[in-house]
Amino acid sequence: MQQDLEKNKQHAIEFYEMAYLGNPTRAVELYVGDQYIQHNPLVGDGKQPFIEYFEKMAAEYPQKTIEFVRAVAQDDLVALHTHQRWPGGDQYVTMDFFRFDEQGKIVEHWDSIQQIPAQSKNNNSMY
């Protein structure tokens, strides 16, 4: 089956934003396939550990925000590049990768996160 790259990008953003901002159960219901393979070592494998992780994060950090800087899709993968702002002034650049099944549902996730430092040795942004 041919992947709908634009739809997958849209669904990856909607999924991540919904979970990040406090409704991971609904995000999983709408966007996740039969399985959910997790590669982030801080989150358990499967749907329920994902939901629990994001519910805890929403309760502990309700003022966090996320901005989607770019989304790139190829084959069955979508990559999201985001800017996260957390209470206390911490800011992070994240890169999340989602694999989609043939039904257009998310079934696997990888990520990388880097804190934005107060100073940089160059004048380039992290985006």
PDB file of N, CA and C in Angstrom:
ATOM      1  N   MET A   1       0.844  -1.196   0.000  1.00  0.00           N
ATOM      2  CA  MET A   1       0.000   0.000   0.000  1.00  0.00           C
ATOM      3  C   MET A   1       0.879   1.245   0.000  1.00  0.00           C
ATOM      4  N   GLN A   2       0.508   2.209  -0.787  1.00  0.00           N
ATOM      5  CA  GLN A   2       1.201   3.490  -0.859  1.00  0.00           C
ATOM      6  C   GLN A   2       0.828   4.329   0.368  1.00  0.00           C
ATOM      7  N   GLN A   3       1.825   4.906   1.015  1.00  0.00           N
ATOM      8  CA  GLN A   3       1.576   5.760   2.171  1.00  0.00           C
ATOM      9  C   GLN A   3       1.129   7.150   1.713  1.00  0.00           C
ATOM     10  N   ASP A   4       0.212   7.764   2.438  1.00  0.00           N
ATOM     11  CA  ASP A   4      -0.203   9.141   2.209  1.00  0.00           C
ATOM     12  C   ASP A   4       0.682  10.014   3.094  1.00  0.00           C
ATOM     13  N   LEU A   5       1.765  10.532   2.530  1.00  0.00           N
ATOM     14  CA  LEU A   5       2.778  11.225   3.321  1.00  0.00           C
ATOM     15  C   LEU A   5       2.240  12.476   4.011  1.00  0.00           C
ATOM     16  N   GLU A   6       1.430  13.248   3.316  1.00  0.00           N
ATOM     17  CA  GLU A   6       0.885  14.472   3.927  1.00  0.00           C
ATOM     18  C   GLU A   6      -0.060  14.127   5.081  1.00  0.00           C
ATOM     19  N   LYS A   7      -0.877  13.123   4.882  1.00  0.00           N
ATOM     20  CA  LYS A   7      -1.795  12.706   5.945  1.00  0.00           C
ATOM     21  C   LYS A   7      -1.016  12.149   7.132  1.00  0.00           C
ATOM     22  N   ASN A   8       0.029  11.367   6.874  1.00  0.00           N
ATOM     23  CA  ASN A   8       0.846  10.838   7.961  1.00  0.00           C
ATOM     24  C   ASN A   8       1.512  11.966   8.751  1.00  0.00           C
ATOM     25  N   LYS A   9       2.018  12.988   8.053  1.00  0.00           N
ATOM     26  CA  LYS A   9       2.621  14.126   8.766  1.00  0.00           C
ATOM     27  C   LYS A   9       1.582  14.807   9.651  1.00  0.00           C
ATOM     28  N   GLN A  10       0.417  15.048   9.101  1.00  0.00           N
ATOM     29  CA  GLN A  10      -0.660  15.691   9.867  1.00  0.00           C
ATOM     30  C   GLN A  10      -1.028  14.845  11.087  1.00  0.00           C
ATOM     31  N   HIS A  11      -1.150  13.543  10.891  1.00  0.00           N
ATOM     32  CA  HIS A  11      -1.534  12.667  12.007  1.00  0.00           C
ATOM     33  C   HIS A  11      -0.440  12.563  13.055  1.00  0.00           C
ATOM     34  N   ALA A  12       0.819  12.569  12.652  1.00  0.00           N
ATOM     35  CA  ALA A  12       1.910  12.546  13.623  1.00  0.00           C
ATOM     36  C   ALA A  12       1.879  13.801  14.493  1.00  0.00           C
ATOM     37  N   ILE A  13       1.666  14.952  13.875  1.00  0.00           N
ATOM     38  CA  ILE A  13       1.590  16.216  14.625  1.00  0.00           C
ATOM     39  C   ILE A  13       0.389  16.199  15.564  1.00  0.00           C
ATOM     40  N   GLU A  14      -0.769  15.818  15.070  1.00  0.00           N
ATOM     41  CA  GLU A  14      -1.974  15.791  15.902  1.00  0.00           C
ATOM     42  C   GLU A  14      -1.817  14.816  17.067  1.00  0.00           C
ATOM     43  N   PHE A  15      -1.248  13.645  16.796  1.00  0.00           N
ATOM     44  CA  PHE A  15      -1.009  12.646  17.830  1.00  0.00           C
ATOM     45  C   PHE A  15      -0.091  13.188  18.916  1.00  0.00           C
ATOM     46  N   TYR A  16       1.043  13.728  18.511  1.00  0.00           N
ATOM     47  CA  TYR A  16       2.036  14.202  19.471  1.00  0.00           C
ATOM     48  C   TYR A  16       1.484  15.382  20.271  1.00  0.00           C
ATOM     49  N   GLU A  17       0.850  16.325  19.600  1.00  0.00           N
ATOM     50  CA  GLU A  17       0.313  17.494  20.290  1.00  0.00           C
ATOM     51  C   GLU A  17      -0.774  17.096  21.292  1.00  0.00           C
ATOM     52  N   MET A  18      -1.664  16.212  20.888  1.00  0.00           N
ATOM     53  CA  MET A  18      -2.745  15.775  21.773  1.00  0.00           C
ATOM     54  C   MET A  18      -2.192  15.068  23.006  1.00  0.00           C
ATOM     55  N   ALA A  19      -1.234  14.177  22.810  1.00  0.00           N
ATOM     56  CA  ALA A  19      -0.634  13.462  23.944  1.00  0.00           C
ATOM     57  C   ALA A  19       0.149  14.417  24.825  1.00  0.00           C
ATOM     58  N   TYR A  20       0.965  15.261  24.233  1.00  0.00           N
ATOM     59  CA  TYR A  20       1.840  16.190  24.953  1.00  0.00           C
ATOM     60  C   TYR A  20       1.036  17.183  25.789  1.00  0.00           C
ATOM     61  N   LEU A  21      -0.093  17.622  25.262  1.00  0.00           N
ATOM     62  CA  LEU A  21      -0.889  18.632  25.956  1.00  0.00           C
ATOM     63  C   LEU A  21      -1.930  18.037  26.894  1.00  0.00           C
ATOM     64  N   GLY A  22      -1.894  16.708  27.107  1.00  0.00           N
ATOM     65  CA  GLY A  22      -2.685  16.152  28.187  1.00  0.00           C
ATOM     66  C   GLY A  22      -3.777  15.161  27.864  1.00  0.00           C
ATOM     67  N   ASN A  23      -3.905  14.731  26.615  1.00  0.00           N
ATOM     68  CA  ASN A  23      -4.942  13.752  26.303  1.00  0.00           C
ATOM     69  C   ASN A  23      -4.346  12.548  25.558  1.00  0.00           C
ATOM     70  N   PRO A  24      -3.412  11.834  26.191  1.00  0.00           N
ATOM     71  CA  PRO A  24      -2.776  10.706  25.503  1.00  0.00           C
ATOM     72  C   PRO A  24      -3.727   9.547  25.206  1.00  0.00           C
ATOM     73  N   THR A  25      -4.735   9.337  26.028  1.00  0.00           N
ATOM     74  CA  THR A  25      -5.671   8.246  25.764  1.00  0.00           C
ATOM     75  C   THR A  25      -6.385   8.467  24.439  1.00  0.00           C
ATOM     76  N   ARG A  26      -6.877   9.653  24.227  1.00  0.00           N
ATOM     77  CA  ARG A  26      -7.562   9.969  22.960  1.00  0.00           C
ATOM     78  C   ARG A  26      -6.590   9.913  21.793  1.00  0.00           C
ATOM     79  N   ALA A  27      -5.367  10.371  21.988  1.00  0.00           N
ATOM     80  CA  ALA A  27      -4.361  10.326  20.932  1.00  0.00           C
ATOM     81  C   ALA A  27      -4.112   8.885  20.491  1.00  0.00           C
ATOM     82  N   VAL A  28      -3.995   7.989  21.448  1.00  0.00           N
ATOM     83  CA  VAL A  28      -3.785   6.578  21.130  1.00  0.00           C
ATOM     84  C   VAL A  28      -5.010   6.008  20.414  1.00  0.00           C
ATOM     85  N   GLU A  29      -6.197   6.328  20.905  1.00  0.00           N
ATOM     86  CA  GLU A  29      -7.424   5.825  20.264  1.00  0.00           C
ATOM     87  C   GLU A  29      -7.507   6.239  18.797  1.00  0.00           C
ATOM     88  N   LEU A  30      -7.146   7.478  18.506  1.00  0.00           N
ATOM     89  CA  LEU A  30      -7.294   8.014  17.153  1.00  0.00           C
ATOM     90  C   LEU A  30      -6.166   7.625  16.199  1.00  0.00           C
ATOM     91  N   TYR A  31      -4.936   7.537  16.712  1.00  0.00           N
ATOM     92  CA  TYR A  31      -3.792   7.499  15.809  1.00  0.00           C
ATOM     93  C   TYR A  31      -2.878   6.284  15.905  1.00  0.00           C
ATOM     94  N   VAL A  32      -3.054   5.410  16.883  1.00  0.00           N
ATOM     95  CA  VAL A  32      -2.129   4.292  17.073  1.00  0.00           C
ATOM     96  C   VAL A  32      -2.758   2.996  16.572  1.00  0.00           C
ATOM     97  N   GLY A  33      -1.922   2.169  15.955  1.00  0.00           N
ATOM     98  CA  GLY A  33      -2.366   0.879  15.433  1.00  0.00           C
ATOM     99  C   GLY A  33      -2.475  -0.169  16.523  1.00  0.00           C
ATOM    100  N   ASP A  34      -2.528  -1.420  16.107  1.00  0.00           N
ATOM    101  CA  ASP A  34      -2.697  -2.526  17.049  1.00  0.00           C
ATOM    102  C   ASP A  34      -1.542  -2.642  18.028  1.00  0.00           C
ATOM    103  N   GLN A  35      -0.352  -2.311  17.595  1.00  0.00           N
ATOM    104  CA  GLN A  35       0.815  -2.367  18.474  1.00  0.00           C
ATOM    105  C   GLN A  35       1.450  -0.984  18.558  1.00  0.00           C
ATOM    106  N   TYR A  36       2.262  -0.768  19.573  1.00  0.00           N
ATOM    107  CA  TYR A  36       3.020   0.473  19.692  1.00  0.00           C
ATOM    108  C   TYR A  36       4.377   0.116  20.278  1.00  0.00           C
ATOM    109  N   ILE A  37       5.387   0.171  19.428  1.00  0.00           N
ATOM    110  CA  ILE A  37       6.750  -0.159  19.832  1.00  0.00           C
ATOM    111  C   ILE A  37       7.453   1.136  20.219  1.00  0.00           C
ATOM    112  N   GLN A  38       7.979   1.166  21.425  1.00  0.00           N
ATOM    113  CA  GLN A  38       8.591   2.376  21.973  1.00  0.00           C
ATOM    114  C   GLN A  38      10.101   2.171  22.109  1.00  0.00           C
ATOM    115  N   HIS A  39      10.878   3.142  21.611  1.00  0.00           N
ATOM    116  CA  HIS A  39      12.341   3.074  21.711  1.00  0.00           C
ATOM    117  C   HIS A  39      12.907   4.066  22.718  1.00  0.00           C
ATOM    118  N   ASN A  40      12.100   4.969  23.248  1.00  0.00           N
ATOM    119  CA  ASN A  40      12.566   5.884  24.296  1.00  0.00           C
ATOM    120  C   ASN A  40      12.747   5.068  25.571  1.00  0.00           C
ATOM    121  N   PRO A  41      13.958   5.040  26.147  1.00  0.00           N
ATOM    122  CA  PRO A  41      14.201   4.196  27.322  1.00  0.00           C
ATOM    123  C   PRO A  41      13.476   4.662  28.581  1.00  0.00           C
ATOM    124  N   LEU A  42      12.884   5.850  28.568  1.00  0.00           N
ATOM    125  CA  LEU A  42      12.157   6.353  29.736  1.00  0.00           C
ATOM    126  C   LEU A  42      10.677   5.994  29.712  1.00  0.00           C
ATOM    127  N   VAL A  43      10.225   5.388  28.600  1.00  0.00           N
ATOM    128  CA  VAL A  43       8.812   5.056  28.424  1.00  0.00           C
ATOM    129  C   VAL A  43       8.702   3.558  28.146  1.00  0.00           C
ATOM    130  N   GLY A  44       7.762   2.903  28.812  1.00  0.00           N
ATOM    131  CA  GLY A  44       7.560   1.483  28.582  1.00  0.00           C
ATOM    132  C   GLY A  44       7.019   1.198  27.191  1.00  0.00           C
ATOM    133  N   ASP A  45       7.159  -0.040  26.769  1.00  0.00           N
ATOM    134  CA  ASP A  45       6.680  -0.486  25.467  1.00  0.00           C
ATOM    135  C   ASP A  45       5.158  -0.668  25.509  1.00  0.00           C
ATOM    136  N   GLY A  46       4.488  -0.291  24.448  1.00  0.00           N
ATOM    137  CA  GLY A  46       3.055  -0.499  24.359  1.00  0.00           C
ATOM    138  C   GLY A  46       2.246   0.766  24.583  1.00  0.00           C
ATOM    139  N   LYS A  47       0.942   0.637  24.369  1.00  0.00           N
ATOM    140  CA  LYS A  47       0.042   1.783  24.454  1.00  0.00           C
ATOM    141  C   LYS A  47      -0.142   2.300  25.880  1.00  0.00           C
ATOM    142  N   GLN A  48      -0.418   1.403  26.818  1.00  0.00           N
ATOM    143  CA  GLN A  48      -0.718   1.839  28.181  1.00  0.00           C
ATOM    144  C   GLN A  48       0.462   2.540  28.852  1.00  0.00           C
ATOM    145  N   PRO A  49       1.690   2.042  28.729  1.00  0.00           N
ATOM    146  CA  PRO A  49       2.820   2.780  29.308  1.00  0.00           C
ATOM    147  C   PRO A  49       2.991   4.173  28.688  1.00  0.00           C
ATOM    148  N   PHE A  50       2.714   4.296  27.392  1.00  0.00           N
ATOM    149  CA  PHE A  50       2.760   5.603  26.744  1.00  0.00           C
ATOM    150  C   PHE A  50       1.739   6.546  27.374  1.00  0.00           C
ATOM    151  N   ILE A  51       0.515   6.064  27.524  1.00  0.00           N
ATOM    152  CA  ILE A  51      -0.548   6.871  28.129  1.00  0.00           C
ATOM    153  C   ILE A  51      -0.166   7.298  29.538  1.00  0.00           C
ATOM    154  N   GLU A  52       0.309   6.377  30.335  1.00  0.00           N
ATOM    155  CA  GLU A  52       0.694   6.691  31.719  1.00  0.00           C
ATOM    156  C   GLU A  52       1.813   7.710  31.779  1.00  0.00           C
ATOM    157  N   TYR A  53       2.795   7.591  30.909  1.00  0.00           N
ATOM    158  CA  TYR A  53       3.913   8.536  30.881  1.00  0.00           C
ATOM    159  C   TYR A  53       3.413   9.948  30.594  1.00  0.00           C
ATOM    160  N   PHE A  54       2.568  10.086  29.569  1.00  0.00           N
ATOM    161  CA  PHE A  54       2.103  11.420  29.194  1.00  0.00           C
ATOM    162  C   PHE A  54       1.072  11.983  30.166  1.00  0.00           C
ATOM    163  N   GLU A  55       0.289  11.139  30.826  1.00  0.00           N
ATOM    164  CA  GLU A  55      -0.611  11.631  31.875  1.00  0.00           C
ATOM    165  C   GLU A  55       0.197  12.193  33.042  1.00  0.00           C
ATOM    166  N   LYS A  56       1.251  11.491  33.423  1.00  0.00           N
ATOM    167  CA  LYS A  56       2.119  11.956  34.513  1.00  0.00           C
ATOM    168  C   LYS A  56       2.794  13.271  34.134  1.00  0.00           C
ATOM    169  N   MET A  57       3.293  13.367  32.902  1.00  0.00           N
ATOM    170  CA  MET A  57       3.950  14.585  32.453  1.00  0.00           C
ATOM    171  C   MET A  57       2.974  15.762  32.451  1.00  0.00           C
ATOM    172  N   ALA A  58       1.740  15.523  32.023  1.00  0.00           N
ATOM    173  CA  ALA A  58       0.741  16.596  31.995  1.00  0.00           C
ATOM    174  C   ALA A  58       0.400  17.070  33.402  1.00  0.00           C
ATOM    175  N   ALA A  59       0.326  16.135  34.350  1.00  0.00           N
ATOM    176  CA  ALA A  59       0.018  16.502  35.732  1.00  0.00           C
ATOM    177  C   ALA A  59       1.168  17.265  36.379  1.00  0.00           C
ATOM    178  N   GLU A  60       2.390  16.850  36.097  1.00  0.00           N
ATOM    179  CA  GLU A  60       3.556  17.467  36.730  1.00  0.00           C
ATOM    180  C   GLU A  60       3.992  18.771  36.068  1.00  0.00           C
ATOM    181  N   TYR A  61       3.738  18.912  34.770  1.00  0.00           N
ATOM    182  CA  TYR A  61       4.194  20.085  34.018  1.00  0.00           C
ATOM    183  C   TYR A  61       3.073  20.644  33.138  1.00  0.00           C
ATOM    184  N   PRO A  62       2.000  21.135  33.737  1.00  0.00           N
ATOM    185  CA  PRO A  62       0.854  21.570  32.920  1.00  0.00           C
ATOM    186  C   PRO A  62       1.136  22.806  32.062  1.00  0.00           C
ATOM    187  N   GLN A  63       2.170  23.570  32.371  1.00  0.00           N
ATOM    188  CA  GLN A  63       2.442  24.802  31.625  1.00  0.00           C
ATOM    189  C   GLN A  63       3.396  24.609  30.450  1.00  0.00           C
ATOM    190  N   LYS A  64       3.813  23.388  30.166  1.00  0.00           N
ATOM    191  CA  LYS A  64       4.743  23.156  29.062  1.00  0.00           C
ATOM    192  C   LYS A  64       4.056  23.455  27.730  1.00  0.00           C
ATOM    193  N   THR A  65       4.863  23.838  26.744  1.00  0.00           N
ATOM    194  CA  THR A  65       4.335  24.110  25.409  1.00  0.00           C
ATOM    195  C   THR A  65       5.206  23.416  24.370  1.00  0.00           C
ATOM    196  N   ILE A  66       4.641  23.257  23.192  1.00  0.00           N
ATOM    197  CA  ILE A  66       5.371  22.641  22.088  1.00  0.00           C
ATOM    198  C   ILE A  66       5.060  23.395  20.803  1.00  0.00           C
ATOM    199  N   GLU A  67       6.093  23.600  20.000  1.00  0.00           N
ATOM    200  CA  GLU A  67       5.954  24.205  18.681  1.00  0.00           C
ATOM    201  C   GLU A  67       6.527  23.213  17.670  1.00  0.00           C
ATOM    202  N   PHE A  68       5.791  22.962  16.619  1.00  0.00           N
ATOM    203  CA  PHE A  68       6.253  22.059  15.570  1.00  0.00           C
ATOM    204  C   PHE A  68       6.970  22.895  14.517  1.00  0.00           C
ATOM    205  N   VAL A  69       8.272  22.698  14.418  1.00  0.00           N
ATOM    206  CA  VAL A  69       9.099  23.482  13.515  1.00  0.00           C
ATOM    207  C   VAL A  69       9.037  22.930  12.100  1.00  0.00           C
ATOM    208  N   ARG A  70       9.102  21.600  11.979  1.00  0.00           N
ATOM    209  CA  ARG A  70       9.007  20.973  10.663  1.00  0.00           C
ATOM    210  C   ARG A  70       8.599  19.526  10.796  1.00  0.00           C
ATOM    211  N   ALA A  71       8.050  19.015   9.714  1.00  0.00           N
ATOM    212  CA  ALA A  71       7.696  17.607   9.612  1.00  0.00           C
ATOM    213  C   ALA A  71       8.173  17.114   8.250  1.00  0.00           C
ATOM    214  N   VAL A  72       8.812  15.957   8.257  1.00  0.00           N
ATOM    215  CA  VAL A  72       9.350  15.376   7.039  1.00  0.00           C
ATOM    216  C   VAL A  72       8.848  13.938   6.961  1.00  0.00           C
ATOM    217  N   ALA A  73       8.397  13.526   5.781  1.00  0.00           N
ATOM    218  CA  ALA A  73       7.884  12.168   5.619  1.00  0.00           C
ATOM    219  C   ALA A  73       8.582  11.473   4.462  1.00  0.00           C
ATOM    220  N   GLN A  74       8.851  10.200   4.665  1.00  0.00           N
ATOM    221  CA  GLN A  74       9.428   9.349   3.625  1.00  0.00           C
ATOM    222  C   GLN A  74       8.964   7.926   3.874  1.00  0.00           C
ATOM    223  N   ASP A  75       8.499   7.272   2.830  1.00  0.00           N
ATOM    224  CA  ASP A  75       8.017   5.891   2.935  1.00  0.00           C
ATOM    225  C   ASP A  75       6.990   5.793   4.067  1.00  0.00           C
ATOM    226  N   ASP A  76       7.252   4.978   5.090  1.00  0.00           N
ATOM    227  CA  ASP A  76       6.307   4.820   6.201  1.00  0.00           C
ATOM    228  C   ASP A  76       6.747   5.564   7.457  1.00  0.00           C
ATOM    229  N   LEU A  77       7.663   6.532   7.296  1.00  0.00           N
ATOM    230  CA  LEU A  77       8.199   7.271   8.441  1.00  0.00           C
ATOM    231  C   LEU A  77       7.848   8.755   8.380  1.00  0.00           C
ATOM    232  N   VAL A  78       7.630   9.332   9.559  1.00  0.00           N
ATOM    233  CA  VAL A  78       7.476  10.778   9.707  1.00  0.00           C
ATOM    234  C   VAL A  78       8.443  11.232  10.789  1.00  0.00           C
ATOM    235  N   ALA A  79       9.170  12.307  10.505  1.00  0.00           N
ATOM    236  CA  ALA A  79      10.071  12.920  11.483  1.00  0.00           C
ATOM    237  C   ALA A  79       9.515  14.292  11.858  1.00  0.00           C
ATOM    238  N   LEU A  80       9.428  14.552  13.155  1.00  0.00           N
ATOM    239  CA  LEU A  80       8.986  15.853  13.658  1.00  0.00           C
ATOM    240  C   LEU A  80      10.146  16.521  14.378  1.00  0.00           C
ATOM    241  N   HIS A  81      10.344  17.792  14.091  1.00  0.00           N
ATOM    242  CA  HIS A  81      11.369  18.617  14.728  1.00  0.00           C
ATOM    243  C   HIS A  81      10.610  19.649  15.550  1.00  0.00           C
ATOM    244  N   THR A  82      10.787  19.635  16.867  1.00  0.00           N
ATOM    245  CA  THR A  82       9.972  20.503  17.721  1.00  0.00           C
ATOM    246  C   THR A  82      10.813  21.364  18.646  1.00  0.00           C
ATOM    247  N   HIS A  83      10.167  22.391  19.163  1.00  0.00           N
ATOM    248  CA  HIS A  83      10.736  23.273  20.190  1.00  0.00           C
ATOM    249  C   HIS A  83       9.812  23.186  21.393  1.00  0.00           C
ATOM    250  N   GLN A  84      10.342  22.690  22.502  1.00  0.00           N
ATOM    251  CA  GLN A  84       9.560  22.557  23.731  1.00  0.00           C
ATOM    252  C   GLN A  84      10.032  23.575  24.758  1.00  0.00           C
ATOM    253  N   ARG A  85       9.047  24.197  25.418  1.00  0.00           N
ATOM    254  CA  ARG A  85       9.332  25.119  26.528  1.00  0.00           C
ATOM    255  C   ARG A  85       8.695  24.549  27.780  1.00  0.00           C
ATOM    256  N   TRP A  86       9.499  24.469  28.842  1.00  0.00           N
ATOM    257  CA  TRP A  86       9.062  23.858  30.092  1.00  0.00           C
ATOM    258  C   TRP A  86       9.073  24.888  31.210  1.00  0.00           C
ATOM    259  N   PRO A  87       8.271  24.671  32.255  1.00  0.00           N
ATOM    260  CA  PRO A  87       8.300  25.572  33.414  1.00  0.00           C
ATOM    261  C   PRO A  87       9.724  25.703  33.940  1.00  0.00           C
ATOM    262  N   GLY A  88      10.061  26.902  34.386  1.00  0.00           N
ATOM    263  CA  GLY A  88      11.405  27.152  34.894  1.00  0.00           C
ATOM    264  C   GLY A  88      12.355  27.647  33.818  1.00  0.00           C
ATOM    265  N   GLY A  89      11.865  27.781  32.588  1.00  0.00           N
ATOM    266  CA  GLY A  89      12.685  28.344  31.525  1.00  0.00           C
ATOM    267  C   GLY A  89      13.473  27.349  30.689  1.00  0.00           C
ATOM    268  N   ASP A  90      13.407  26.068  31.006  1.00  0.00           N
ATOM    269  CA  ASP A  90      14.124  25.081  30.196  1.00  0.00           C
ATOM    270  C   ASP A  90      13.483  24.972  28.819  1.00  0.00           C
ATOM    271  N   GLN A  91      14.341  24.894  27.806  1.00  0.00           N
ATOM    272  CA  GLN A  91      13.877  24.728  26.431  1.00  0.00           C
ATOM    273  C   GLN A  91      14.639  23.576  25.789  1.00  0.00           C
ATOM    274  N   TYR A  92      13.928  22.833  24.920  1.00  0.00           N
ATOM    275  CA  TYR A  92      14.509  21.648  24.299  1.00  0.00           C
ATOM    276  C   TYR A  92      14.175  21.607  22.812  1.00  0.00           C
ATOM    277  N   VAL A  93      15.109  21.061  22.057  1.00  0.00           N
ATOM    278  CA  VAL A  93      14.888  20.684  20.672  1.00  0.00           C
ATOM    279  C   VAL A  93      14.675  19.184  20.689  1.00  0.00           C
ATOM    280  N   THR A  94      13.603  18.726  20.046  1.00  0.00           N
ATOM    281  CA  THR A  94      13.386  17.287  19.960  1.00  0.00           C
ATOM    282  C   THR A  94      13.234  16.877  18.502  1.00  0.00           C
ATOM    283  N   MET A  95      13.579  15.650  18.252  1.00  0.00           N
ATOM    284  CA  MET A  95      13.345  15.021  16.963  1.00  0.00           C
ATOM    285  C   MET A  95      12.684  13.682  17.242  1.00  0.00           C
ATOM    286  N   ASP A  96      11.482  13.527  16.743  1.00  0.00           N
ATOM    287  CA  ASP A  96      10.713  12.299  16.939  1.00  0.00           C
ATOM    288  C   ASP A  96      10.471  11.653  15.590  1.00  0.00           C
ATOM    289  N   PHE A  97      10.600  10.339  15.568  1.00  0.00           N
ATOM    290  CA  PHE A  97      10.347   9.567  14.360  1.00  0.00           C
ATOM    291  C   PHE A  97       9.223   8.583  14.639  1.00  0.00           C
ATOM    292  N   PHE A  98       8.255   8.541  13.735  1.00  0.00           N
ATOM    293  CA  PHE A  98       7.113   7.649  13.866  1.00  0.00           C
ATOM    294  C   PHE A  98       7.036   6.762  12.625  1.00  0.00           C
ATOM    295  N   ARG A  99       6.803   5.474  12.847  1.00  0.00           N
ATOM    296  CA  ARG A  99       6.565   4.550  11.735  1.00  0.00           C
ATOM    297  C   ARG A  99       5.073   4.257  11.676  1.00  0.00           C
ATOM    298  N   PHE A 100       4.534   4.290  10.475  1.00  0.00           N
ATOM    299  CA  PHE A 100       3.112   4.065  10.233  1.00  0.00           C
ATOM    300  C   PHE A 100       2.901   2.695   9.599  1.00  0.00           C
ATOM    301  N   ASP A 101       1.787   2.056   9.948  1.00  0.00           N
ATOM    302  CA  ASP A 101       1.437   0.781   9.310  1.00  0.00           C
ATOM    303  C   ASP A 101       0.673   1.058   8.014  1.00  0.00           C
ATOM    304  N   GLU A 102       0.220   0.008   7.352  1.00  0.00           N
ATOM    305  CA  GLU A 102      -0.465   0.144   6.071  1.00  0.00           C
ATOM    306  C   GLU A 102      -1.843   0.779   6.188  1.00  0.00           C
ATOM    307  N   GLN A 103      -2.387   0.845   7.401  1.00  0.00           N
ATOM    308  CA  GLN A 103      -3.675   1.500   7.629  1.00  0.00           C
ATOM    309  C   GLN A 103      -3.506   2.974   8.013  1.00  0.00           C
ATOM    310  N   GLY A 104      -2.273   3.476   7.997  1.00  0.00           N
ATOM    311  CA  GLY A 104      -2.020   4.874   8.347  1.00  0.00           C
ATOM    312  C   GLY A 104      -2.009   5.123   9.844  1.00  0.00           C
ATOM    313  N   LYS A 105      -1.725   4.093  10.635  1.00  0.00           N
ATOM    314  CA  LYS A 105      -1.677   4.230  12.096  1.00  0.00           C
ATOM    315  C   LYS A 105      -0.225   4.158  12.571  1.00  0.00           C
ATOM    316  N   ILE A 106       0.068   4.877  13.634  1.00  0.00           N
ATOM    317  CA  ILE A 106       1.409   4.893  14.219  1.00  0.00           C
ATOM    318  C   ILE A 106       1.631   3.589  14.977  1.00  0.00           C
ATOM    319  N   VAL A 107       2.781   2.950  14.708  1.00  0.00           N
ATOM    320  CA  VAL A 107       3.075   1.670  15.356  1.00  0.00           C
ATOM    321  C   VAL A 107       4.467   1.619  15.988  1.00  0.00           C
ATOM    322  N   GLU A 108       5.274   2.670  15.785  1.00  0.00           N
ATOM    323  CA  GLU A 108       6.623   2.652  16.358  1.00  0.00           C
ATOM    324  C   GLU A 108       7.130   4.082  16.514  1.00  0.00           C
ATOM    325  N   HIS A 109       7.967   4.293  17.548  1.00  0.00           N
ATOM    326  CA  HIS A 109       8.456   5.640  17.867  1.00  0.00           C
ATOM    327  C   HIS A 109       9.897   5.608  18.354  1.00  0.00           C
ATOM    328  N   TRP A 110      10.683   6.559  17.846  1.00  0.00           N
ATOM    329  CA  TRP A 110      12.043   6.836  18.321  1.00  0.00           C
ATOM    330  C   TRP A 110      12.116   8.333  18.586  1.00  0.00           C
ATOM    331  N   ASP A 111      13.007   8.768  19.488  1.00  0.00           N
ATOM    332  CA  ASP A 111      13.193  10.201  19.681  1.00  0.00           C
ATOM    333  C   ASP A 111      14.584  10.535  20.186  1.00  0.00           C
ATOM    334  N   SER A 112      14.890  11.813  20.057  1.00  0.00           N
ATOM    335  CA  SER A 112      16.140  12.358  20.569  1.00  0.00           C
ATOM    336  C   SER A 112      15.818  13.753  21.077  1.00  0.00           C
ATOM    337  N   ILE A 113      16.418  14.121  22.200  1.00  0.00           N
ATOM    338  CA  ILE A 113      16.128  15.416  22.806  1.00  0.00           C
ATOM    339  C   ILE A 113      17.432  16.086  23.209  1.00  0.00           C
ATOM    340  N   GLN A 114      17.486  17.403  23.016  1.00  0.00           N
ATOM    341  CA  GLN A 114      18.669  18.173  23.383  1.00  0.00           C
ATOM    342  C   GLN A 114      18.227  19.474  24.036  1.00  0.00           C
ATOM    343  N   GLN A 115      18.756  19.755  25.199  1.00  0.00           N
ATOM    344  CA  GLN A 115      18.443  21.015  25.865  1.00  0.00           C
ATOM    345  C   GLN A 115      19.121  22.157  25.115  1.00  0.00           C
ATOM    346  N   ILE A 116      18.411  23.262  24.967  1.00  0.00           N
ATOM    347  CA  ILE A 116      18.976  24.439  24.320  1.00  0.00           C
ATOM    348  C   ILE A 116      19.852  25.153  25.350  1.00  0.00           C
ATOM    349  N   PRO A 117      21.137  25.289  25.068  1.00  0.00           N
ATOM    350  CA  PRO A 117      22.037  25.910  26.040  1.00  0.00           C
ATOM    351  C   PRO A 117      21.871  27.425  26.093  1.00  0.00           C
ATOM    352  N   ALA A 118      22.310  28.022  27.187  1.00  0.00           N
ATOM    353  CA  ALA A 118      22.245  29.476  27.341  1.00  0.00           C
ATOM    354  C   ALA A 118      23.196  30.168  26.367  1.00  0.00           C
ATOM    355  N   GLN A 119      24.294  29.516  26.034  1.00  0.00           N
ATOM    356  CA  GLN A 119      25.287  30.091  25.119  1.00  0.00           C
ATOM    357  C   GLN A 119      25.641  29.069  24.051  1.00  0.00           C
ATOM    358  N   SER A 120      26.033  29.582  22.888  1.00  0.00           N
ATOM    359  CA  SER A 120      26.445  28.730  21.782  1.00  0.00           C
ATOM    360  C   SER A 120      27.778  29.227  21.245  1.00  0.00           C
ATOM    361  N   LYS A 121      28.587  28.330  20.737  1.00  0.00           N
ATOM    362  CA  LYS A 121      29.875  28.711  20.140  1.00  0.00           C
ATOM    363  C   LYS A 121      29.736  29.157  18.692  1.00  0.00           C
ATOM    364  N   ASN A 122      28.478  29.179  18.195  1.00  0.00           N
ATOM    365  CA  ASN A 122      28.227  29.706  16.850  1.00  0.00           C
ATOM    366  C   ASN A 122      26.966  30.545  16.890  1.00  0.00           C
ATOM    367  N   ASN A 123      26.697  31.233  15.794  1.00  0.00           N
ATOM    368  CA  ASN A 123      25.528  32.122  15.732  1.00  0.00           C
ATOM    369  C   ASN A 123      24.328  31.483  15.056  1.00  0.00           C
ATOM    370  N   ASN A 124      24.362  30.169  14.863  1.00  0.00           N
ATOM    371  CA  ASN A 124      23.276  29.480  14.185  1.00  0.00           C
ATOM    372  C   ASN A 124      22.218  29.040  15.184  1.00  0.00           C
ATOM    373  N   SER A 125      20.974  29.065  14.746  1.00  0.00           N
ATOM    374  CA  SER A 125      19.913  28.561  15.605  1.00  0.00           C
ATOM    375  C   SER A 125      19.976  27.033  15.616  1.00  0.00           C
ATOM    376  N   MET A 126      19.235  26.411  16.497  1.00  0.00           N
ATOM    377  CA  MET A 126      19.204  24.950  16.528  1.00  0.00           C
ATOM    378  C   MET A 126      18.144  24.412  15.559  1.00  0.00           C
ATOM    379  N   TYR A 127      17.565  25.296  14.749  1.00  0.00           N
ATOM    380  CA  TYR A 127      16.579  24.883  13.746  1.00  0.00           C
ATOM    381  C   TYR A 127      17.050  25.276  12.368  1.00  0.00           C
TER     382      TYR A 127
END
